[in-house]
PDB file of N, CA and C in Angstrom:
ATOM      1  N   MET A   1     103.100  82.484  99.760  1.00  0.00           N
ATOM      2  CA  MET A   1     102.203  83.625  99.892  1.00  0.00           C
ATOM      3  C   MET A   1     101.314  83.424 101.098  1.00  0.00           C
ATOM      4  N   PHE A   2     100.800  82.227 101.280  1.00  0.00           N
ATOM      5  CA  PHE A   2      99.926  81.995 102.423  1.00  0.00           C
ATOM      6  C   PHE A   2     100.602  82.360 103.763  1.00  0.00           C
ATOM      7  N   GLU A   3     101.870  81.996 103.827  1.00  0.00           N
ATOM      8  CA  GLU A   3     102.629  82.255 105.074  1.00  0.00           C
ATOM      9  C   GLU A   3     102.742  83.756 105.333  1.00  0.00           C
ATOM     10  N   VAL A   4     102.880  84.555 104.336  1.00  0.00           N
ATOM     11  CA  VAL A   4     102.953  86.035 104.493  1.00  0.00           C
ATOM     12  C   VAL A   4     101.655  86.548 104.976  1.00  0.00           C
ATOM     13  N   VAL A   5     100.575  86.123 104.366  1.00  0.00           N
ATOM     14  CA  VAL A   5      99.221  86.583 104.758  1.00  0.00           C
ATOM     15  C   VAL A   5      98.928  86.152 106.201  1.00  0.00           C
ATOM     16  N   LEU A   6      99.324  84.913 106.537  1.00  0.00           N
ATOM     17  CA  LEU A   6      99.106  84.423 107.917  1.00  0.00           C
ATOM     18  C   LEU A   6      99.899  85.250 108.895  1.00  0.00           C
ATOM     19  N   ARG A   7     101.163  85.498 108.598  1.00  0.00           N
ATOM     20  CA  ARG A   7     102.007  86.295 109.521  1.00  0.00           C
ATOM     21  C   ARG A   7     101.420  87.721 109.703  1.00  0.00           C
ATOM     22  N   ASN A   8     100.988  88.315 108.636  1.00  0.00           N
ATOM     23  CA  ASN A   8     100.428  89.687 108.723  1.00  0.00           C
ATOM     24  C   ASN A   8      99.144  89.707 109.594  1.00  0.00           C
ATOM     25  N   ALA A   9      98.323  88.685 109.410  1.00  0.00           N
ATOM     26  CA  ALA A   9      97.085  88.560 110.187  1.00  0.00           C
ATOM     27  C   ALA A   9      97.436  88.344 111.655  1.00  0.00           C
ATOM     28  N   MET A  10      98.379  87.503 111.969  1.00  0.00           N
ATOM     29  CA  MET A  10      98.780  87.243 113.336  1.00  0.00           C
ATOM     30  C   MET A  10      99.397  88.494 113.961  1.00  0.00           C
ATOM     31  N   ASP A  11     100.226  89.229 113.204  1.00  0.00           N
ATOM     32  CA  ASP A  11     100.817  90.452 113.696  1.00  0.00           C
ATOM     33  C   ASP A  11      99.759  91.470 114.028  1.00  0.00           C
ATOM     34  N   GLU A  12      98.748  91.594 113.205  1.00  0.00           N
ATOM     35  CA  GLU A  12      97.686  92.569 113.444  1.00  0.00           C
ATOM     36  C   GLU A  12      96.923  92.254 114.737  1.00  0.00           C
ATOM     37  N   GLN A  13      96.610  90.929 114.925  1.00  0.00           N
ATOM     38  CA  GLN A  13      95.921  90.521 116.149  1.00  0.00           C
ATOM     39  C   GLN A  13      96.789  90.650 117.398  1.00  0.00           C
ATOM     40  N   LEU A  14      98.068  90.277 117.286  1.00  0.00           N
ATOM     41  CA  LEU A  14      99.002  90.415 118.411  1.00  0.00           C
ATOM     42  C   LEU A  14      99.178  91.905 118.815  1.00  0.00           C
ATOM     43  N   CYS A  15      99.237  92.790 117.814  1.00  0.00           N
ATOM     44  CA  CYS A  15      99.373  94.224 118.130  1.00  0.00           C
ATOM     45  C   CYS A  15      98.154  94.688 118.958  1.00  0.00           C
ATOM     46  N   ALA A  16      96.954  94.350 118.470  1.00  0.00           N
ATOM     47  CA  ALA A  16      95.731  94.764 119.153  1.00  0.00           C
ATOM     48  C   ALA A  16      95.679  94.151 120.572  1.00  0.00           C
ATOM     49  N   TRP A  17      95.988  92.850 120.668  1.00  0.00           N
ATOM     50  CA  TRP A  17      95.903  92.191 121.988  1.00  0.00           C
ATOM     51  C   TRP A  17      96.947  92.756 122.945  1.00  0.00           C
ATOM     52  N   ASN A  18      98.195  92.936 122.501  1.00  0.00           N
ATOM     53  CA  ASN A  18      99.254  93.428 123.393  1.00  0.00           C
ATOM     54  C   ASN A  18      98.915  94.871 123.931  1.00  0.00           C
ATOM     55  N   ALA A  19      98.303  95.692 123.066  1.00  0.00           N
ATOM     56  CA  ALA A  19      97.990  97.064 123.486  1.00  0.00           C
ATOM     57  C   ALA A  19      96.923  97.098 124.579  1.00  0.00           C
ATOM     58  N   LYS A  20      96.184  95.986 124.750  1.00  0.00           N
ATOM     59  CA  LYS A  20      95.161  95.925 125.799  1.00  0.00           C
ATOM     60  C   LYS A  20      95.628  95.345 127.084  1.00  0.00           C
ATOM     61  N   GLN A  21      96.916  94.900 127.120  1.00  0.00           N
ATOM     62  CA  GLN A  21      97.444  94.240 128.320  1.00  0.00           C
ATOM     63  C   GLN A  21      98.019  95.283 129.310  1.00  0.00           C
ATOM     64  N   PRO A  22      97.605  95.214 130.563  1.00  0.00           N
ATOM     65  CA  PRO A  22      98.103  96.180 131.538  1.00  0.00           C
ATOM     66  C   PRO A  22      99.626  96.070 131.737  1.00  0.00           C
ATOM     67  N   ASP A  23     100.290  97.225 131.806  1.00  0.00           N
ATOM     68  CA  ASP A  23     101.720  97.295 132.015  1.00  0.00           C
ATOM     69  C   ASP A  23     101.947  97.416 133.528  1.00  0.00           C
ATOM     70  N   THR A  24     102.426  96.344 134.154  1.00  0.00           N
ATOM     71  CA  THR A  24     102.609  96.360 135.593  1.00  0.00           C
ATOM     72  C   THR A  24     103.816  97.226 136.031  1.00  0.00           C
ATOM     73  N   ASN A  25     104.718  97.517 135.117  1.00  0.00           N
ATOM     74  CA  ASN A  25     105.892  98.261 135.490  1.00  0.00           C
ATOM     75  C   ASN A  25     105.658  99.761 135.653  1.00  0.00           C
ATOM     76  N   GLY A  26     104.855 100.320 134.737  1.00  0.00           N
ATOM     77  CA  GLY A  26     104.670 101.795 134.817  1.00  0.00           C
ATOM     78  C   GLY A  26     103.197 102.200 134.753  1.00  0.00           C
ATOM     79  N   GLY A  27     102.291 101.293 134.924  1.00  0.00           N
ATOM     80  CA  GLY A  27     100.899 101.657 134.821  1.00  0.00           C
ATOM     81  C   GLY A  27     100.551 101.780 133.342  1.00  0.00           C
ATOM     82  N   GLY A  28      99.299 102.000 133.051  1.00  0.00           N
ATOM     83  CA  GLY A  28      98.867 102.079 131.665  1.00  0.00           C
ATOM     84  C   GLY A  28      98.852 100.732 130.998  1.00  0.00           C
ATOM     85  N   PHE A  29      99.134 100.724 129.722  1.00  0.00           N
ATOM     86  CA  PHE A  29      99.097  99.523 128.894  1.00  0.00           C
ATOM     87  C   PHE A  29     100.388  99.331 128.116  1.00  0.00           C
ATOM     88  N   HIS A  30     100.582  98.130 127.658  1.00  0.00           N
ATOM     89  CA  HIS A  30     101.723  97.874 126.812  1.00  0.00           C
ATOM     90  C   HIS A  30     101.500  98.499 125.430  1.00  0.00           C
ATOM     91  N   SER A  31     102.570  98.674 124.692  1.00  0.00           N
ATOM     92  CA  SER A  31     102.533  99.232 123.352  1.00  0.00           C
ATOM     93  C   SER A  31     101.943  98.225 122.402  1.00  0.00           C
ATOM     94  N   PRO A  32     101.377  98.653 121.286  1.00  0.00           N
ATOM     95  CA  PRO A  32     100.928  97.689 120.304  1.00  0.00           C
ATOM     96  C   PRO A  32     102.094  96.923 119.665  1.00  0.00           C
ATOM     97  N   ASP A  33     103.289  97.477 119.806  1.00  0.00           N
ATOM     98  CA  ASP A  33     104.518  96.804 119.289  1.00  0.00           C
ATOM     99  C   ASP A  33     104.895  95.612 120.201  1.00  0.00           C
ATOM    100  N   TRP A  34     104.253  94.494 119.946  1.00  0.00           N
ATOM    101  CA  TRP A  34     104.434  93.305 120.815  1.00  0.00           C
ATOM    102  C   TRP A  34     105.853  92.799 120.778  1.00  0.00           C
ATOM    103  N   LEU A  35     106.624  93.081 119.738  1.00  0.00           N
ATOM    104  CA  LEU A  35     107.987  92.575 119.682  1.00  0.00           C
ATOM    105  C   LEU A  35     108.941  93.372 120.572  1.00  0.00           C
ATOM    106  N   MET A  36     108.743  94.668 120.633  1.00  0.00           N
ATOM    107  CA  MET A  36     109.586  95.532 121.444  1.00  0.00           C
ATOM    108  C   MET A  36     109.083  95.687 122.894  1.00  0.00           C
ATOM    109  N   ASP A  37     107.814  95.496 123.105  1.00  0.00           N
ATOM    110  CA  ASP A  37     107.238  95.727 124.427  1.00  0.00           C
ATOM    111  C   ASP A  37     106.216  94.587 124.711  1.00  0.00           C
ATOM    112  N   PRO A  38     106.674  93.333 124.800  1.00  0.00           N
ATOM    113  CA  PRO A  38     105.745  92.190 124.971  1.00  0.00           C
ATOM    114  C   PRO A  38     105.165  92.124 126.361  1.00  0.00           C
ATOM    115  N   ALA A  39     103.861  91.805 126.376  1.00  0.00           N
ATOM    116  CA  ALA A  39     103.166  91.552 127.626  1.00  0.00           C
ATOM    117  C   ALA A  39     103.721  90.315 128.294  1.00  0.00           C
ATOM    118  N   PRO A  40     103.597  90.201 129.626  1.00  0.00           N
ATOM    119  CA  PRO A  40     104.162  89.045 130.322  1.00  0.00           C
ATOM    120  C   PRO A  40     103.743  87.679 129.792  1.00  0.00           C
ATOM    121  N   LEU A  41     102.498  87.566 129.346  1.00  0.00           N
ATOM    122  CA  LEU A  41     102.038  86.224 128.818  1.00  0.00           C
ATOM    123  C   LEU A  41     102.842  85.922 127.541  1.00  0.00           C
ATOM    124  N   LEU A  42     103.093  86.892 126.674  1.00  0.00           N
ATOM    125  CA  LEU A  42     103.870  86.614 125.499  1.00  0.00           C
ATOM    126  C   LEU A  42     105.278  86.187 125.850  1.00  0.00           C
ATOM    127  N   ILE A  43     105.843  86.760 126.848  1.00  0.00           N
ATOM    128  CA  ILE A  43     107.197  86.403 127.290  1.00  0.00           C
ATOM    129  C   ILE A  43     107.191  84.958 127.759  1.00  0.00           C
ATOM    130  N   ARG A  44     106.186  84.602 128.527  1.00  0.00           N
ATOM    131  CA  ARG A  44     106.079  83.194 129.036  1.00  0.00           C
ATOM    132  C   ARG A  44     105.865  82.212 127.846  1.00  0.00           C
ATOM    133  N   LEU A  45     105.021  82.598 126.908  1.00  0.00           N
ATOM    134  CA  LEU A  45     104.745  81.700 125.782  1.00  0.00           C
ATOM    135  C   LEU A  45     105.860  81.561 124.755  1.00  0.00           C
ATOM    136  N   THR A  46     106.887  82.435 124.828  1.00  0.00           N
ATOM    137  CA  THR A  46     107.971  82.414 123.875  1.00  0.00           C
ATOM    138  C   THR A  46     109.242  81.974 124.584  1.00  0.00           C
ATOM    139  N   ARG A  47     109.145  80.900 125.319  1.00  0.00           N
ATOM    140  CA  ARG A  47     110.295  80.351 126.054  1.00  0.00           C
ATOM    141  C   ARG A  47     111.023  81.413 126.853  1.00  0.00           C
ATOM    142  N   ASN A  48     110.222  82.077 127.698  1.00  0.00           N
ATOM    143  CA  ASN A  48     110.719  83.130 128.592  1.00  0.00           C
ATOM    144  C   ASN A  48     111.392  84.266 127.815  1.00  0.00           C
ATOM    145  N   GLY A  49     110.816  84.602 126.631  1.00  0.00           N
ATOM    146  CA  GLY A  49     111.294  85.725 125.863  1.00  0.00           C
ATOM    147  C   GLY A  49     112.419  85.404 124.898  1.00  0.00           C
ATOM    148  N   GLN A  50     112.923  84.148 124.892  1.00  0.00           N
ATOM    149  CA  GLN A  50     114.062  83.803 124.005  1.00  0.00           C
ATOM    150  C   GLN A  50     113.700  83.962 122.560  1.00  0.00           C
ATOM    151  N   ASP A  51     112.494  83.523 122.173  1.00  0.00           N
ATOM    152  CA  ASP A  51     112.081  83.626 120.784  1.00  0.00           C
ATOM    153  C   ASP A  51     111.933  85.066 120.343  1.00  0.00           C
ATOM    154  N   ILE A  52     111.421  85.931 121.255  1.00  0.00           N
ATOM    155  CA  ILE A  52     111.279  87.333 120.920  1.00  0.00           C
ATOM    156  C   ILE A  52     112.677  88.013 120.765  1.00  0.00           C
ATOM    157  N   ARG A  53     113.561  87.701 121.641  1.00  0.00           N
ATOM    158  CA  ARG A  53     114.911  88.253 121.536  1.00  0.00           C
ATOM    159  C   ARG A  53     115.594  87.750 120.273  1.00  0.00           C
ATOM    160  N   LYS A  54     115.404  86.534 119.907  1.00  0.00           N
ATOM    161  CA  LYS A  54     115.966  85.986 118.659  1.00  0.00           C
ATOM    162  C   LYS A  54     115.362  86.714 117.451  1.00  0.00           C
ATOM    163  N   ALA A  55     114.075  86.944 117.452  1.00  0.00           N
ATOM    164  CA  ALA A  55     113.432  87.620 116.322  1.00  0.00           C
ATOM    165  C   ALA A  55     113.908  89.081 116.254  1.00  0.00           C
ATOM    166  N   ARG A  56     114.072  89.732 117.397  1.00  0.00           N
ATOM    167  CA  ARG A  56     114.551  91.118 117.428  1.00  0.00           C
ATOM    168  C   ARG A  56     115.959  91.201 116.878  1.00  0.00           C
ATOM    169  N   ASP A  57     116.838  90.243 117.349  1.00  0.00           N
ATOM    170  CA  ASP A  57     118.224  90.221 116.884  1.00  0.00           C
ATOM    171  C   ASP A  57     118.287  89.981 115.381  1.00  0.00           C
ATOM    172  N   HIS A  58     117.426  89.031 114.906  1.00  0.00           N
ATOM    173  CA  HIS A  58     117.408  88.741 113.470  1.00  0.00           C
ATOM    174  C   HIS A  58     116.977  89.944 112.664  1.00  0.00           C
ATOM    175  N   ALA A  59     115.971  90.690 113.127  1.00  0.00           N
ATOM    176  CA  ALA A  59     115.513  91.895 112.462  1.00  0.00           C
ATOM    177  C   ALA A  59     116.623  92.963 112.422  1.00  0.00           C
ATOM    178  N   ALA A  60     117.345  93.114 113.514  1.00  0.00           N
ATOM    179  CA  ALA A  60     118.433  94.077 113.592  1.00  0.00           C
ATOM    180  C   ALA A  60     119.520  93.702 112.620  1.00  0.00           C
ATOM    181  N   ALA A  61     119.878  92.428 112.574  1.00  0.00           N
ATOM    182  CA  ALA A  61     120.949  91.960 111.650  1.00  0.00           C
ATOM    183  C   ALA A  61     120.526  92.185 110.202  1.00  0.00           C
ATOM    184  N   SER A  62     119.238  91.926 109.930  1.00  0.00           N
ATOM    185  CA  SER A  62     118.727  92.147 108.516  1.00  0.00           C
ATOM    186  C   SER A  62     118.808  93.628 108.163  1.00  0.00           C
ATOM    187  N   ALA A  63     118.489  94.462 109.079  1.00  0.00           N
ATOM    188  CA  ALA A  63     118.505  95.920 108.839  1.00  0.00           C
ATOM    189  C   ALA A  63     119.969  96.354 108.561  1.00  0.00           C
ATOM    190  N   ARG A  64     120.906  95.808 109.319  1.00  0.00           N
ATOM    191  CA  ARG A  64     122.310  96.184 109.145  1.00  0.00           C
ATOM    192  C   ARG A  64     122.861  95.703 107.807  1.00  0.00           C
ATOM    193  N   SER A  65     122.348  94.535 107.310  1.00  0.00           N
ATOM    194  CA  SER A  65     122.896  93.971 106.073  1.00  0.00           C
ATOM    195  C   SER A  65     122.109  94.407 104.826  1.00  0.00           C
ATOM    196  N   TRP A  66     121.253  95.395 104.999  1.00  0.00           N
ATOM    197  CA  TRP A  66     120.399  95.852 103.879  1.00  0.00           C
ATOM    198  C   TRP A  66     121.308  96.316 102.730  1.00  0.00           C
ATOM    199  N   GLN A  67     120.931  95.888 101.537  1.00  0.00           N
ATOM    200  CA  GLN A  67     121.645  96.289 100.350  1.00  0.00           C
ATOM    201  C   GLN A  67     120.719  97.034  99.449  1.00  0.00           C
ATOM    202  N   PRO A  68     120.940  98.329  99.242  1.00  0.00           N
ATOM    203  CA  PRO A  68     119.999  99.106  98.422  1.00  0.00           C
ATOM    204  C   PRO A  68     119.771  98.511  97.018  1.00  0.00           C
ATOM    205  N   SER A  69     120.749  97.783  96.488  1.00  0.00           N
ATOM    206  CA  SER A  69     120.568  97.192  95.187  1.00  0.00           C
ATOM    207  C   SER A  69     119.459  96.151  95.189  1.00  0.00           C
ATOM    208  N   ARG A  70     119.097  95.633  96.331  1.00  0.00           N
ATOM    209  CA  ARG A  70     118.046  94.661  96.445  1.00  0.00           C
ATOM    210  C   ARG A  70     116.634  95.256  96.411  1.00  0.00           C
ATOM    211  N   ALA A  71     116.617  96.596  96.519  1.00  0.00           N
ATOM    212  CA  ALA A  71     115.307  97.257  96.563  1.00  0.00           C
ATOM    213  C   ALA A  71     114.452  96.967  95.300  1.00  0.00           C
ATOM    214  N   GLY A  72     115.110  96.952  94.141  1.00  0.00           N
ATOM    215  CA  GLY A  72     114.380  96.639  92.911  1.00  0.00           C
ATOM    216  C   GLY A  72     113.814  95.234  92.933  1.00  0.00           C
ATOM    217  N   VAL A  73     114.584  94.320  93.480  1.00  0.00           N
ATOM    218  CA  VAL A  73     114.127  92.887  93.564  1.00  0.00           C
ATOM    219  C   VAL A  73     112.930  92.796  94.469  1.00  0.00           C
ATOM    220  N   VAL A  74     112.973  93.513  95.607  1.00  0.00           N
ATOM    221  CA  VAL A  74     111.872  93.509  96.545  1.00  0.00           C
ATOM    222  C   VAL A  74     110.625  94.111  95.921  1.00  0.00           C
ATOM    223  N   ARG A  75     110.806  95.268  95.256  1.00  0.00           N
ATOM    224  CA  ARG A  75     109.675  95.944  94.590  1.00  0.00           C
ATOM    225  C   ARG A  75     109.077  95.021  93.568  1.00  0.00           C
ATOM    226  N   ASP A  76     109.918  94.366  92.749  1.00  0.00           N
ATOM    227  CA  ASP A  76     109.449  93.437  91.701  1.00  0.00           C
ATOM    228  C   ASP A  76     108.661  92.288  92.299  1.00  0.00           C
ATOM    229  N   ARG A  77     109.188  91.716  93.398  1.00  0.00           N
ATOM    230  CA  ARG A  77     108.483  90.594  94.082  1.00  0.00           C
ATOM    231  C   ARG A  77     107.123  91.019  94.558  1.00  0.00           C
ATOM    232  N   LEU A  78     107.056  92.207  95.160  1.00  0.00           N
ATOM    233  CA  LEU A  78     105.727  92.745  95.632  1.00  0.00           C
ATOM    234  C   LEU A  78     104.788  92.837  94.452  1.00  0.00           C
ATOM    235  N   THR A  79     105.257  93.403  93.330  1.00  0.00           N
ATOM    236  CA  THR A  79     104.415  93.536  92.172  1.00  0.00           C
ATOM    237  C   THR A  79     103.902  92.140  91.675  1.00  0.00           C
ATOM    238  N   ASP A  80     104.817  91.179  91.653  1.00  0.00           N
ATOM    239  CA  ASP A  80     104.425  89.837  91.252  1.00  0.00           C
ATOM    240  C   ASP A  80     103.325  89.255  92.179  1.00  0.00           C
ATOM    241  N   VAL A  81     103.526  89.439  93.470  1.00  0.00           N
ATOM    242  CA  VAL A  81     102.523  88.910  94.439  1.00  0.00           C
ATOM    243  C   VAL A  81     101.194  89.574  94.220  1.00  0.00           C
ATOM    244  N   LEU A  82     101.194  90.894  94.037  1.00  0.00           N
ATOM    245  CA  LEU A  82      99.900  91.603  93.816  1.00  0.00           C
ATOM    246  C   LEU A  82      99.257  91.164  92.541  1.00  0.00           C
ATOM    247  N   HIS A  83     100.031  90.902  91.501  1.00  0.00           N
ATOM    248  CA  HIS A  83      99.462  90.407  90.211  1.00  0.00           C
ATOM    249  C   HIS A  83      98.781  89.043  90.402  1.00  0.00           C
ATOM    250  N   VAL A  84      99.453  88.152  91.152  1.00  0.00           N
ATOM    251  CA  VAL A  84      98.901  86.836  91.368  1.00  0.00           C
ATOM    252  C   VAL A  84      97.570  86.956  92.172  1.00  0.00           C
ATOM    253  N   LEU A  85      97.606  87.732  93.167  1.00  0.00           N
ATOM    254  CA  LEU A  85      96.377  87.956  93.990  1.00  0.00           C
ATOM    255  C   LEU A  85      95.240  88.520  93.128  1.00  0.00           C
ATOM    256  N   ARG A  86      95.585  89.484  92.285  1.00  0.00           N
ATOM    257  CA  ARG A  86      94.576  90.108  91.435  1.00  0.00           C
ATOM    258  C   ARG A  86      93.979  89.067  90.481  1.00  0.00           C
ATOM    259  N   ALA A  87      94.809  88.136  90.012  1.00  0.00           N
ATOM    260  CA  ALA A  87      94.325  87.112  89.099  1.00  0.00           C
ATOM    261  C   ALA A  87      93.342  86.188  89.818  1.00  0.00           C
ATOM    262  N   ILE A  88      93.536  86.013  91.130  1.00  0.00           N
ATOM    263  CA  ILE A  88      92.641  85.170  91.907  1.00  0.00           C
ATOM    264  C   ILE A  88      91.355  85.877  92.199  1.00  0.00           C
ATOM    265  N   ASP A  89      91.496  87.116  92.754  1.00  0.00           N
ATOM    266  CA  ASP A  89      90.329  87.947  93.145  1.00  0.00           C
ATOM    267  C   ASP A  89      90.876  89.324  93.533  1.00  0.00           C
ATOM    268  N   THR A  90      90.124  90.349  93.239  1.00  0.00           N
ATOM    269  CA  THR A  90      90.568  91.720  93.562  1.00  0.00           C
ATOM    270  C   THR A  90      90.513  92.017  95.054  1.00  0.00           C
ATOM    271  N   VAL A  91      89.676  91.317  95.796  1.00  0.00           N
ATOM    272  CA  VAL A  91      89.558  91.614  97.251  1.00  0.00           C
ATOM    273  C   VAL A  91      90.878  91.325  98.016  1.00  0.00           C
ATOM    274  N   PRO A  92      91.453  90.100  97.894  1.00  0.00           N
ATOM    275  CA  PRO A  92      92.696  89.869  98.564  1.00  0.00           C
ATOM    276  C   PRO A  92      93.836  90.781  98.038  1.00  0.00           C
ATOM    277  N   GLU A  93      93.803  91.100  96.769  1.00  0.00           N
ATOM    278  CA  GLU A  93      94.825  91.980  96.208  1.00  0.00           C
ATOM    279  C   GLU A  93      94.767  93.363  96.802  1.00  0.00           C
ATOM    280  N   GLN A  94      93.548  93.874  96.939  1.00  0.00           N
ATOM    281  CA  GLN A  94      93.345  95.219  97.543  1.00  0.00           C
ATOM    282  C   GLN A  94      93.760  95.185  98.989  1.00  0.00           C
ATOM    283  N   TRP A  95      93.415  94.071  99.689  1.00  0.00           N
ATOM    284  CA  TRP A  95      93.809  93.991 101.109  1.00  0.00           C
ATOM    285  C   TRP A  95      95.318  93.979 101.261  1.00  0.00           C
ATOM    286  N   ALA A  96      95.987  93.150 100.461  1.00  0.00           N
ATOM    287  CA  ALA A  96      97.468  93.041 100.529  1.00  0.00           C
ATOM    288  C   ALA A  96      98.091  94.320 100.168  1.00  0.00           C
ATOM    289  N   ALA A  97      97.615  94.999  99.141  1.00  0.00           N
ATOM    290  CA  ALA A  97      98.228  96.272  98.753  1.00  0.00           C
ATOM    291  C   ALA A  97      98.027  97.323  99.860  1.00  0.00           C
ATOM    292  N   GLY A  98      96.926  97.280 100.555  1.00  0.00           N
ATOM    293  CA  GLY A  98      96.701  98.235 101.669  1.00  0.00           C
ATOM    294  C   GLY A  98      97.466  97.881 102.907  1.00  0.00           C
ATOM    295  N   GLN A  99      97.799  96.619 103.176  1.00  0.00           N
ATOM    296  CA  GLN A  99      98.433  96.196 104.386  1.00  0.00           C
ATOM    297  C   GLN A  99      99.970  96.200 104.264  1.00  0.00           C
ATOM    298  N   GLN A 100     100.493  96.133 103.072  1.00  0.00           N
ATOM    299  CA  GLN A 100     101.972  95.999 102.876  1.00  0.00           C
ATOM    300  C   GLN A 100     102.683  97.260 103.345  1.00  0.00           C
ATOM    301  N   ARG A 101     103.893  97.025 103.825  1.00  0.00           N
ATOM    302  CA  ARG A 101     104.731  98.158 104.276  1.00  0.00           C
ATOM    303  C   ARG A 101     106.017  98.279 103.415  1.00  0.00           C
ATOM    304  N   VAL A 102     106.070  97.498 102.362  1.00  0.00           N
ATOM    305  CA  VAL A 102     107.261  97.421 101.508  1.00  0.00           C
ATOM    306  C   VAL A 102     107.541  98.828 100.941  1.00  0.00           C
ATOM    307  N   THR A 103     106.570  99.468 100.382  1.00  0.00           N
ATOM    308  CA  THR A 103     106.773 100.752  99.713  1.00  0.00           C
ATOM    309  C   THR A 103     107.327 101.799 100.701  1.00  0.00           C
ATOM    310  N   THR A 104     106.771 101.841 101.886  1.00  0.00           N
ATOM    311  CA  THR A 104     107.222 102.771 102.918  1.00  0.00           C
ATOM    312  C   THR A 104     108.681 102.484 103.304  1.00  0.00           C
ATOM    313  N   VAL A 105     108.953 101.251 103.529  1.00  0.00           N
ATOM    314  CA  VAL A 105     110.325 100.866 103.904  1.00  0.00           C
ATOM    315  C   VAL A 105     111.308 101.176 102.829  1.00  0.00           C
ATOM    316  N   LEU A 106     110.977 100.885 101.619  1.00  0.00           N
ATOM    317  CA  LEU A 106     111.906 101.191 100.494  1.00  0.00           C
ATOM    318  C   LEU A 106     112.119 102.674 100.370  1.00  0.00           C
ATOM    319  N   LYS A 107     111.135 103.452 100.574  1.00  0.00           N
ATOM    320  CA  LYS A 107     111.294 104.938 100.481  1.00  0.00           C
ATOM    321  C   LYS A 107     112.129 105.472 101.574  1.00  0.00           C
ATOM    322  N   ALA A 108     112.069 104.847 102.769  1.00  0.00           N
ATOM    323  CA  ALA A 108     112.830 105.272 103.947  1.00  0.00           C
ATOM    324  C   ALA A 108     114.296 104.931 103.857  1.00  0.00           C
ATOM    325  N   ARG A 109     114.658 103.947 103.066  1.00  0.00           N
ATOM    326  CA  ARG A 109     116.061 103.469 103.020  1.00  0.00           C
ATOM    327  C   ARG A 109     116.864 104.427 102.079  1.00  0.00           C
ATOM    328  N   PRO A 110     118.073 104.764 102.506  1.00  0.00           N
ATOM    329  CA  PRO A 110     118.907 105.642 101.641  1.00  0.00           C
ATOM    330  C   PRO A 110     119.322 104.861 100.377  1.00  0.00           C
ATOM    331  N   ARG A 111     119.454 105.583  99.335  1.00  0.00           N
ATOM    332  CA  ARG A 111     119.898 104.975  98.056  1.00  0.00           C
ATOM    333  C   ARG A 111     121.367 105.160  97.847  1.00  0.00           C
ATOM    334  N   CYS A 112     121.994 104.267  97.128  1.00  0.00           N
ATOM    335  CA  CYS A 112     123.428 104.369  96.907  1.00  0.00           C
ATOM    336  C   CYS A 112     123.796 105.719  96.251  1.00  0.00           C
ATOM    337  N   ALA A 113     123.027 106.097  95.265  1.00  0.00           N
ATOM    338  CA  ALA A 113     123.329 107.340  94.532  1.00  0.00           C
ATOM    339  C   ALA A 113     123.270 108.554  95.458  1.00  0.00           C
ATOM    340  N   GLU A 114     122.338 108.593  96.443  1.00  0.00           N
ATOM    341  CA  GLU A 114     122.283 109.670  97.350  1.00  0.00           C
ATOM    342  C   GLU A 114     123.481 109.695  98.236  1.00  0.00           C
ATOM    343  N   ARG A 115     123.927 108.550  98.682  1.00  0.00           N
ATOM    344  CA  ARG A 115     125.136 108.464  99.579  1.00  0.00           C
ATOM    345  C   ARG A 115     126.350 108.912  98.775  1.00  0.00           C
ATOM    346  N   THR A 116     126.462 108.494  97.511  1.00  0.00           N
ATOM    347  CA  THR A 116     127.612 108.861  96.721  1.00  0.00           C
ATOM    348  C   THR A 116     127.677 110.306  96.447  1.00  0.00           C
ATOM    349  N   SER A 117     126.515 110.917  96.111  1.00  0.00           N
ATOM    350  CA  SER A 117     126.488 112.362  95.801  1.00  0.00           C
ATOM    351  C   SER A 117     126.790 113.193  97.050  1.00  0.00           C
ATOM    352  N   ARG A 118     126.392 112.762  98.189  1.00  0.00           N
ATOM    353  CA  ARG A 118     126.712 113.454  99.438  1.00  0.00           C
ATOM    354  C   ARG A 118     128.173 113.373  99.807  1.00  0.00           C
ATOM    355  N   ALA A 119     128.751 112.214  99.531  1.00  0.00           N
ATOM    356  CA  ALA A 119     130.137 112.014  99.869  1.00  0.00           C
ATOM    357  C   ALA A 119     131.040 112.791  98.975  1.00  0.00           C
ATOM    358  N   GLY A 120     130.647 113.023  97.729  1.00  0.00           N
ATOM    359  CA  GLY A 120     131.492 113.732  96.725  1.00  0.00           C
ATOM    360  C   GLY A 120     131.410 115.164  96.836  1.00  0.00           C
TER     361      GLY A 120
END
């Protein structure tokens, strides 16, 4: 759980930092999406962008291999995590519930039943 909280905190800070970096290619600033539009310093710090490309490829492969049947497992895991946090203190539980994107992602994914009914 600590790793997830740490990753989310780092992502939030990297998004804010990246959005403030000047874009030398087209003027303006880089996008907050530091993975898709990394500032030059991030590219240098990630072995000349190799780590970012690897993470992007891994995310794309995960999206391709998505199994709708796993949605219930993911939803249950989120519920478990929120219950544990609530048992510790309501403040981190409320923060995690507000920061999580699991619900949005699960709603955006097509369901097997919808695909079956459309095909029939």
